Protein backbone atom coordinates (compact mmCIF):
# COMPACT_ATOMS: atom_id res chain seq x y z
CA MET A 1 90.82 91.77 123.77
CA SER A 2 91.86 94.25 121.08
CA SER A 3 95.46 94.87 120.11
CA PHE A 4 95.13 98.49 121.28
CA ALA A 5 93.99 97.37 124.73
CA ILE A 6 96.86 94.90 125.05
CA ARG A 7 99.40 97.54 124.05
CA SER A 8 97.90 100.07 126.46
CA LEU A 9 97.96 97.55 129.32
CA ALA A 10 101.59 96.67 128.52
CA LEU A 11 102.62 100.33 128.73
CA LEU A 12 100.63 100.83 131.92
CA GLY A 13 102.20 97.71 133.44
CA ALA A 14 105.71 98.94 132.61
CA LEU A 15 104.91 102.33 134.16
CA LEU A 16 103.58 100.72 137.34
CA LEU A 17 106.65 98.50 137.61
CA TRP A 18 108.89 101.55 137.29
CA TRP A 19 106.85 103.40 139.91
CA GLY A 20 106.93 100.48 142.32
CA PHE A 21 110.69 99.99 141.95
CA ALA A 22 111.37 103.71 142.44
CA LEU A 23 109.22 103.79 145.60
CA ALA A 24 110.90 100.65 146.93
CA ASN A 25 114.30 102.17 146.27
CA GLN A 26 113.36 105.28 148.25
CA GLY A 27 112.78 103.02 151.26
CA MET A 28 115.58 100.50 150.77
CA ARG A 29 118.10 102.95 149.20
CA TRP A 30 119.80 100.45 146.92
CA VAL A 31 120.99 103.50 144.98
CA PRO A 32 120.52 107.21 145.80
CA PRO A 33 116.79 108.03 145.28
CA THR A 34 117.63 110.99 143.05
CA MET A 35 119.08 108.52 140.51
CA ILE A 36 115.73 106.74 140.03
CA PRO A 37 112.92 109.31 140.21
CA THR A 38 109.28 108.25 140.32
CA PRO A 39 106.98 109.10 137.37
CA ASP A 40 105.28 111.89 139.36
CA GLU A 41 108.69 113.43 140.14
CA ILE A 42 109.55 113.28 136.44
CA ILE A 43 106.30 115.02 135.51
CA LEU A 44 106.94 117.68 138.17
CA ALA A 45 110.44 118.23 136.77
CA GLY A 46 108.92 118.76 133.33
CA TRP A 47 106.46 121.26 134.79
CA GLU A 48 109.38 123.24 136.19
CA ILE A 49 110.78 123.81 132.69
CA ARG A 50 107.39 124.14 130.99
CA ASP A 51 108.32 127.53 129.52
CA PHE A 52 111.13 125.94 127.49
CA VAL A 53 109.37 122.75 126.40
CA PRO A 54 107.30 124.06 123.43
CA THR A 55 110.29 125.87 121.94
CA ASP A 56 112.59 122.87 122.45
CA ILE A 57 110.07 120.54 120.78
CA ALA A 58 109.61 122.88 117.82
CA ILE A 59 113.35 123.35 117.28
CA SER A 60 114.18 119.65 117.57
CA LEU A 61 111.26 118.58 115.39
CA LEU A 62 112.25 121.06 112.69
CA ARG A 63 115.81 119.74 112.68
CA ALA A 64 114.72 116.10 112.64
CA VAL A 65 112.07 116.55 109.93
CA GLN A 66 114.36 118.57 107.67
CA GLY A 67 117.14 115.99 107.91
CA PHE A 68 114.71 113.11 107.51
CA VAL A 69 113.09 114.60 104.39
CA ILE A 70 116.48 115.11 102.75
CA ALA A 71 117.47 111.52 103.61
CA ALA A 72 114.12 110.13 102.43
CA VAL A 73 114.22 111.89 99.05
CA LEU A 74 117.84 110.96 98.31
CA GLY A 75 117.57 107.46 99.77
CA VAL A 76 114.45 106.52 97.81
CA LEU A 77 115.67 108.08 94.55
CA LEU A 78 119.14 106.52 94.65
CA GLY A 79 117.76 103.21 95.97
CA CYS A 80 115.30 103.00 93.08
CA LEU A 81 118.01 103.95 90.61
CA SER A 82 120.50 101.36 91.91
CA GLY A 83 117.84 98.68 92.25
CA SER A 84 116.56 99.09 88.70
CA SER A 85 119.83 99.72 86.83
CA ARG A 86 122.93 97.55 86.97
CA LEU A 87 125.09 100.43 85.70
CA ALA A 88 123.81 102.79 88.40
CA GLU A 89 124.36 100.08 91.02
CA ASN A 90 127.97 99.61 89.94
CA VAL A 91 128.59 103.36 90.14
CA ILE A 92 126.68 104.27 93.32
CA ASP A 93 126.86 101.17 95.51
CA PRO A 94 130.68 100.90 95.97
CA ILE A 95 130.89 104.49 97.20
CA LEU A 96 128.06 104.03 99.68
CA GLU A 97 129.36 100.65 100.84
CA VAL A 98 132.62 102.33 101.87
CA LEU A 99 130.82 105.09 103.79
CA ARG A 100 128.04 102.99 105.33
CA PRO A 101 130.11 101.09 107.98
CA ILE A 102 131.49 104.35 109.40
CA PRO A 103 129.46 105.44 112.47
CA PRO A 104 127.61 108.65 111.57
CA LEU A 105 128.71 110.36 114.77
CA ALA A 106 132.31 110.04 113.60
CA PHE A 107 131.49 112.70 111.00
CA LEU A 108 129.92 115.13 113.48
CA PRO A 109 133.16 117.02 114.24
CA ILE A 110 133.84 117.26 110.51
CA PHE A 111 130.34 118.60 109.83
CA ILE A 112 130.80 121.18 112.61
CA ILE A 113 134.09 122.32 111.09
CA TRP A 114 132.61 122.45 107.59
CA PHE A 115 129.23 124.02 108.36
CA GLY A 116 129.71 125.60 111.78
CA LEU A 117 127.59 125.25 114.91
CA GLY A 118 124.41 126.46 113.23
CA GLU A 119 121.44 124.50 111.94
CA MET A 120 123.11 123.33 108.73
CA SER A 121 125.55 120.98 110.42
CA LYS A 122 122.82 119.33 112.52
CA VAL A 123 120.34 118.93 109.65
CA LEU A 124 122.94 117.48 107.29
CA MET A 125 124.24 115.17 110.02
CA ILE A 126 120.72 113.81 110.55
CA ALA A 127 120.25 113.40 106.80
CA PHE A 128 123.57 111.61 106.44
CA ALA A 129 122.77 109.16 109.22
CA ALA A 130 119.22 108.34 108.09
CA PHE A 131 120.06 108.13 104.38
CA PHE A 132 121.82 104.75 104.40
CA ILE A 133 119.00 102.84 106.08
CA ILE A 134 116.44 104.24 103.65
CA TYR A 135 118.70 103.62 100.66
CA VAL A 136 119.45 99.99 101.53
CA ASN A 137 115.81 99.09 102.15
CA THR A 138 114.68 100.80 98.96
CA TYR A 139 117.40 99.09 96.95
CA GLN A 140 116.49 95.68 98.36
CA GLY A 141 112.81 96.22 97.66
CA VAL A 142 113.30 97.29 94.06
CA ARG A 143 116.07 94.81 93.23
CA TYR A 144 114.17 91.77 94.49
CA ALA A 145 110.75 92.53 93.08
CA ASP A 146 109.15 89.43 91.54
CA PRO A 147 111.20 88.78 88.35
CA LEU A 148 108.40 86.70 86.82
CA LEU A 149 106.03 89.65 86.91
CA MET A 150 108.70 91.90 85.41
CA ARG A 151 109.39 89.48 82.57
CA ALA A 152 105.67 89.03 81.96
CA ALA A 153 105.14 92.79 81.74
CA LEU A 154 108.07 93.24 79.37
CA SER A 155 106.96 90.34 77.18
CA LEU A 156 103.49 91.91 76.91
CA GLY A 157 104.98 95.09 75.51
CA ALA A 158 105.45 97.26 78.58
CA GLY A 159 108.52 99.49 78.60
CA ARG A 160 111.05 99.32 81.39
CA ARG A 161 109.86 102.60 82.87
CA GLN A 162 106.24 101.46 82.79
CA ALA A 163 107.17 98.10 84.32
CA PHE A 164 109.11 99.86 87.07
CA PHE A 165 106.23 102.13 88.10
CA SER A 166 103.57 99.45 87.78
CA ILE A 167 105.42 96.46 89.31
CA SER A 168 108.80 97.18 90.90
CA LEU A 169 107.92 100.31 92.81
CA PRO A 170 104.60 99.04 94.27
CA ALA A 171 106.30 95.79 95.24
CA ALA A 172 109.09 97.73 96.95
CA LEU A 173 106.79 99.99 99.00
CA PRO A 174 106.74 97.73 102.09
CA GLU A 175 110.55 97.72 102.19
CA ILE A 176 110.64 101.47 101.54
CA PHE A 177 108.32 102.18 104.46
CA THR A 178 110.40 99.91 106.68
CA GLY A 179 113.42 101.98 105.73
CA LEU A 180 111.54 105.21 106.42
CA ARG A 181 110.55 104.08 109.90
CA LEU A 182 114.09 102.96 110.71
CA GLY A 183 115.43 106.16 109.20
CA MET A 184 113.15 108.22 111.42
CA GLY A 185 114.51 106.40 114.47
CA MET A 186 118.07 107.07 113.35
CA ALA A 187 117.20 110.73 112.75
CA PHE A 188 116.12 111.12 116.38
CA PHE A 189 119.18 109.25 117.62
CA VAL A 190 121.57 111.55 115.78
CA LEU A 191 119.46 114.62 116.58
CA VAL A 192 119.89 114.11 120.32
CA ALA A 193 123.58 113.34 119.95
CA ALA A 194 124.14 116.49 117.87
CA GLU A 195 122.19 118.64 120.34
CA LEU A 196 124.15 117.21 123.25
CA ILE A 197 127.38 118.35 121.65
CA ALA A 198 126.61 121.52 119.71
CA ALA A 199 123.34 123.29 120.50
CA ASP A 200 121.87 125.97 122.74
CA ALA A 201 118.24 124.84 122.42
CA GLY A 202 116.31 121.67 121.72
CA MET A 203 115.39 118.52 123.60
CA GLY A 204 118.92 117.13 123.51
CA PHE A 205 120.35 120.39 124.82
CA ARG A 206 117.80 120.40 127.66
CA ILE A 207 118.97 116.90 128.68
CA GLN A 208 122.58 118.10 128.62
CA GLU A 209 121.64 121.11 130.73
CA ALA A 210 119.97 118.79 133.25
CA ARG A 211 123.17 116.72 133.39
CA TRP A 212 125.19 119.83 134.24
CA GLN A 213 122.72 120.52 137.07
CA PHE A 214 122.62 116.85 138.11
CA ARG A 215 118.83 116.83 137.66
CA VAL A 216 118.21 113.19 136.76
CA ASP A 217 114.45 113.76 136.90
CA ARG A 218 114.70 116.38 134.15
CA MET A 219 116.91 114.06 132.12
CA PHE A 220 114.25 111.36 132.34
CA PHE A 221 111.59 113.88 131.37
CA GLY A 222 113.55 114.86 128.26
CA ALA A 223 114.07 111.24 127.29
CA ALA A 224 110.38 110.45 127.84
CA LEU A 225 109.36 113.48 125.78
CA ILE A 226 111.54 112.32 122.89
CA GLY A 227 110.01 108.85 123.14
CA VAL A 228 106.44 110.19 123.03
CA ILE A 229 107.16 112.42 120.02
CA GLY A 230 108.95 109.61 118.21
CA PHE A 231 106.06 107.27 118.92
CA ALA A 232 103.62 109.79 117.45
CA LEU A 233 105.71 110.18 114.30
CA PHE A 234 106.07 106.42 113.88
CA ALA A 235 102.31 106.05 114.28
CA GLY A 236 101.82 108.64 111.54
CA LEU A 237 104.15 106.76 109.20
CA ARG A 238 102.37 103.50 110.02
CA ARG A 239 98.99 105.06 109.23
CA LEU A 240 100.30 106.41 105.92
CA GLU A 241 101.75 102.98 105.11
CA ASN A 242 98.43 101.28 105.85
CA ARG A 243 96.64 103.71 103.53
CA LEU A 244 99.08 103.29 100.65
CA LEU A 245 99.42 99.54 101.13
CA ALA A 246 95.76 98.71 101.65
CA TRP A 247 96.13 96.21 98.80
CA LYS A 248 98.82 94.25 100.65
CA PRO A 249 97.48 91.03 102.25
CA ARG A 250 98.13 90.71 105.98
CA ARG A 251 98.50 87.55 108.00
CA GLU A 252 95.64 86.85 110.36
CA GLY A 253 96.44 87.74 113.95
CA VAL A 254 99.15 90.23 112.97
CA GLY A 255 98.25 93.81 113.70
CA GLY A 256 94.63 92.89 114.30
CA ALA A 257 92.54 91.88 117.25
């Protein structure tokens, strides 16, 4: 059986389990039935707000992509710089190591005060949260590239810049893409949190609105919608990674049939 079939069956099995539990709860009433809606009730709730869904998706995606792109550019550039230069590492790394343990959401009130309730505060908050994951993975990938290959290239007359682009950077690409995928997940996490607190549109805001109305089915629909969009974006990053890293050997039985 193919990997795609196994994954599809796993998702279908989880959906059927949820459906069965929700139907059983409606009969047994372990908790109020409105707290655990069935999948068809969730879909119906989404149909009720269908006029808002395209706009909410577009607004949230724009915020997430803008913040993610800023984080990706800065994270990869500074990670490569710190990983390839001891001086840059000594200058950049201590500052980031102080900021990195602080939960990103702790800065959200500050960003709102600095940049207001508009788009700037949300985009920069997303970028700030996703940056550290991308930076750390890029730094690790560049710093721990095979030193034997680096020394061999330098001994054969290659300059440091040439050795970086021909050895260090290609070797670091798997770590960089890992950081990008994790950074994308963090971008969505902070996006929803920011929209829950300070937004009048977007998927996070629609979940907050459903909470005010005590519409758990709409809350589940919003969460499911975010999951589907995130899954699609992760799949796109995975496809791009597979194209750029076609040279990378893969273990048999991993990611295949």
